[in-house]
Amino acid sequence: MQASRAPWWYYILAVSFLLSFALLLYNFIWGPRDPGVTFDSVGGYLTAKEIQPDKAAARAGLRAGDRILIVDGIPIRGAKGGADYNRAAINFESG
């Protein structure tokens, strides 16, 4: 009795899983570093809540209570300030 082979799409599924795992591992090891700031949306503004010492935010002079208005030329405004920041942070390299 002949052993049957798996369908072709099993191989595509397995390769896509392995590639996504490799990308996650790469991002974990060599990905972007934590800028060292915790944000809070207060009064429609994105406000720095906590700054970790010896991180990029502290070296840049950011202090707790500072409002974030623009990140890399992208305005951060309104109740969706966190979403605006995430959109700007995708292409931002700290450090």
C-alpha atoms as a PDB file:
ATOM      1  CA  MET A   1       0.000   0.000   0.000  1.00  0.00           C
ATOM      2  CA  GLN A   2       1.347   3.386  -1.028  1.00  0.00           C
ATOM      3  CA  ALA A   3       1.644   6.197   1.479  1.00  0.00           C
ATOM      4  CA  SER A   4      -0.330   9.211   0.386  1.00  0.00           C
ATOM      5  CA  ARG A   5       1.274  12.625   0.309  1.00  0.00           C
ATOM      6  CA  ALA A   6      -0.156  15.646   2.041  1.00  0.00           C
ATOM      7  CA  PRO A   7      -2.035  18.157  -0.139  1.00  0.00           C
ATOM      8  CA  TRP A   8       0.064  21.000  -1.569  1.00  0.00           C
ATOM      9  CA  TRP A   9      -1.598  23.616   0.595  1.00  0.00           C
ATOM     10  CA  TYR A  10      -0.352  21.866   3.772  1.00  0.00           C
ATOM     11  CA  TYR A  11       3.163  22.761   2.715  1.00  0.00           C
ATOM     12  CA  ILE A  12       2.222  26.388   2.064  1.00  0.00           C
ATOM     13  CA  LEU A  13       0.554  26.558   5.464  1.00  0.00           C
ATOM     14  CA  ALA A  14       3.603  25.069   7.187  1.00  0.00           C
ATOM     15  CA  VAL A  15       6.026  27.441   5.429  1.00  0.00           C
ATOM     16  CA  SER A  16       3.878  30.499   6.255  1.00  0.00           C
ATOM     17  CA  PHE A  17       3.767  29.443   9.921  1.00  0.00           C
ATOM     18  CA  LEU A  18       7.551  29.000  10.041  1.00  0.00           C
ATOM     19  CA  LEU A  19       8.144  32.370   8.344  1.00  0.00           C
ATOM     20  CA  SER A  20       5.790  34.188  10.718  1.00  0.00           C
ATOM     21  CA  PHE A  21       7.527  32.552  13.687  1.00  0.00           C
ATOM     22  CA  ALA A  22      10.920  33.592  12.312  1.00  0.00           C
ATOM     23  CA  LEU A  23       9.681  37.174  11.904  1.00  0.00           C
ATOM     24  CA  LEU A  24       8.377  37.262  15.481  1.00  0.00           C
ATOM     25  CA  LEU A  25      11.671  35.901  16.774  1.00  0.00           C
ATOM     26  CA  TYR A  26      13.657  38.440  14.745  1.00  0.00           C
ATOM     27  CA  ASN A  27      11.452  41.270  16.029  1.00  0.00           C
ATOM     28  CA  PHE A  28      11.836  40.075  19.614  1.00  0.00           C
ATOM     29  CA  ILE A  29      15.631  39.927  19.450  1.00  0.00           C
ATOM     30  CA  TRP A  30      16.542  42.785  17.085  1.00  0.00           C
ATOM     31  CA  GLY A  31      13.293  44.756  16.928  1.00  0.00           C
ATOM     32  CA  PRO A  32      12.580  48.294  18.121  1.00  0.00           C
ATOM     33  CA  ARG A  33      13.535  49.176  21.668  1.00  0.00           C
ATOM     34  CA  ASP A  34      11.193  50.483  24.332  1.00  0.00           C
ATOM     35  CA  PRO A  35      11.368  54.317  24.429  1.00  0.00           C
ATOM     36  CA  GLY A  36      10.760  54.222  28.196  1.00  0.00           C
ATOM     37  CA  VAL A  37       7.549  56.216  28.490  1.00  0.00           C
ATOM     38  CA  THR A  38       4.013  55.327  29.587  1.00  0.00           C
ATOM     39  CA  PHE A  39       1.223  57.412  28.067  1.00  0.00           C
ATOM     40  CA  ASP A  40      -2.187  58.471  29.299  1.00  0.00           C
ATOM     41  CA  SER A  41      -4.942  60.233  27.359  1.00  0.00           C
ATOM     42  CA  VAL A  42      -6.005  63.175  29.534  1.00  0.00           C
ATOM     43  CA  GLY A  43      -8.373  65.871  28.319  1.00  0.00           C
ATOM     44  CA  GLY A  44      -7.977  64.891  24.687  1.00  0.00           C
ATOM     45  CA  TYR A  45      -4.176  65.073  24.845  1.00  0.00           C
ATOM     46  CA  LEU A  46      -1.598  62.313  24.941  1.00  0.00           C
ATOM     47  CA  THR A  47       0.330  62.936  28.168  1.00  0.00           C
ATOM     48  CA  ALA A  48       3.528  61.305  29.423  1.00  0.00           C
ATOM     49  CA  LYS A  49       2.543  59.491  32.594  1.00  0.00           C
ATOM     50  CA  GLU A  50       5.773  57.805  33.681  1.00  0.00           C
ATOM     51  CA  ILE A  51       9.333  58.130  32.368  1.00  0.00           C
ATOM     52  CA  GLN A  52      11.881  55.360  32.916  1.00  0.00           C
ATOM     53  CA  PRO A  53      15.405  56.596  33.638  1.00  0.00           C
ATOM     54  CA  ASP A  54      18.218  55.678  31.228  1.00  0.00           C
ATOM     55  CA  LYS A  55      15.818  55.196  28.294  1.00  0.00           C
ATOM     56  CA  ALA A  56      15.436  57.285  25.148  1.00  0.00           C
ATOM     57  CA  ALA A  57      12.540  59.374  26.533  1.00  0.00           C
ATOM     58  CA  ALA A  58      14.552  60.420  29.605  1.00  0.00           C
ATOM     59  CA  ARG A  59      17.622  61.234  27.490  1.00  0.00           C
ATOM     60  CA  ALA A  60      15.432  63.391  25.243  1.00  0.00           C
ATOM     61  CA  GLY A  61      14.319  65.433  28.250  1.00  0.00           C
ATOM     62  CA  LEU A  62      10.728  64.181  28.429  1.00  0.00           C
ATOM     63  CA  ARG A  63       9.192  64.531  31.900  1.00  0.00           C
ATOM     64  CA  ALA A  64       6.021  63.185  33.492  1.00  0.00           C
ATOM     65  CA  GLY A  65       3.094  65.449  32.630  1.00  0.00           C
ATOM     66  CA  ASP A  66       4.465  66.612  29.260  1.00  0.00           C
ATOM     67  CA  ARG A  67       1.945  66.693  26.414  1.00  0.00           C
ATOM     68  CA  ILE A  68       2.893  64.950  23.187  1.00  0.00           C
ATOM     69  CA  LEU A  69       1.867  67.196  20.286  1.00  0.00           C
ATOM     70  CA  ILE A  70       3.881  65.934  17.289  1.00  0.00           C
ATOM     71  CA  VAL A  71       5.888  62.757  16.696  1.00  0.00           C
ATOM     72  CA  ASP A  72       8.108  62.694  13.622  1.00  0.00           C
ATOM     73  CA  GLY A  73       5.959  65.340  11.909  1.00  0.00           C
ATOM     74  CA  ILE A  74       2.642  63.572  12.599  1.00  0.00           C
ATOM     75  CA  PRO A  75       0.273  65.575  14.838  1.00  0.00           C
ATOM     76  CA  ILE A  76      -1.042  63.756  17.914  1.00  0.00           C
ATOM     77  CA  ARG A  77      -4.490  65.105  18.761  1.00  0.00           C
ATOM     78  CA  GLY A  78      -7.941  64.373  20.108  1.00  0.00           C
ATOM     79  CA  ALA A  79      -9.335  61.362  21.906  1.00  0.00           C
ATOM     80  CA  LYS A  80      -7.548  59.105  19.400  1.00  0.00           C
ATOM     81  CA  GLY A  81      -4.127  60.418  20.397  1.00  0.00           C
ATOM     82  CA  GLY A  82      -2.934  56.916  21.204  1.00  0.00           C
ATOM     83  CA  ALA A  83      -3.837  55.708  17.716  1.00  0.00           C
ATOM     84  CA  ASP A  84      -2.055  58.702  16.174  1.00  0.00           C
ATOM     85  CA  TYR A  85       1.030  57.920  18.282  1.00  0.00           C
ATOM     86  CA  ASN A  86       0.998  54.253  17.240  1.00  0.00           C
ATOM     87  CA  ARG A  87       0.739  55.325  13.585  1.00  0.00           C
ATOM     88  CA  ALA A  88       3.750  57.618  14.050  1.00  0.00           C
ATOM     89  CA  ALA A  89       5.736  55.108  16.110  1.00  0.00           C
ATOM     90  CA  ILE A  90       5.587  52.444  13.404  1.00  0.00           C
ATOM     91  CA  ASN A  91       8.279  54.245  11.409  1.00  0.00           C
ATOM     92  CA  PHE A  92      10.046  55.865  14.377  1.00  0.00           C
ATOM     93  CA  GLU A  93      13.340  54.576  15.718  1.00  0.00           C
ATOM     94  CA  SER A  94      14.136  55.528  19.293  1.00  0.00           C
ATOM     95  CA  GLY A  95      17.654  56.001  20.528  1.00  0.00           C
END
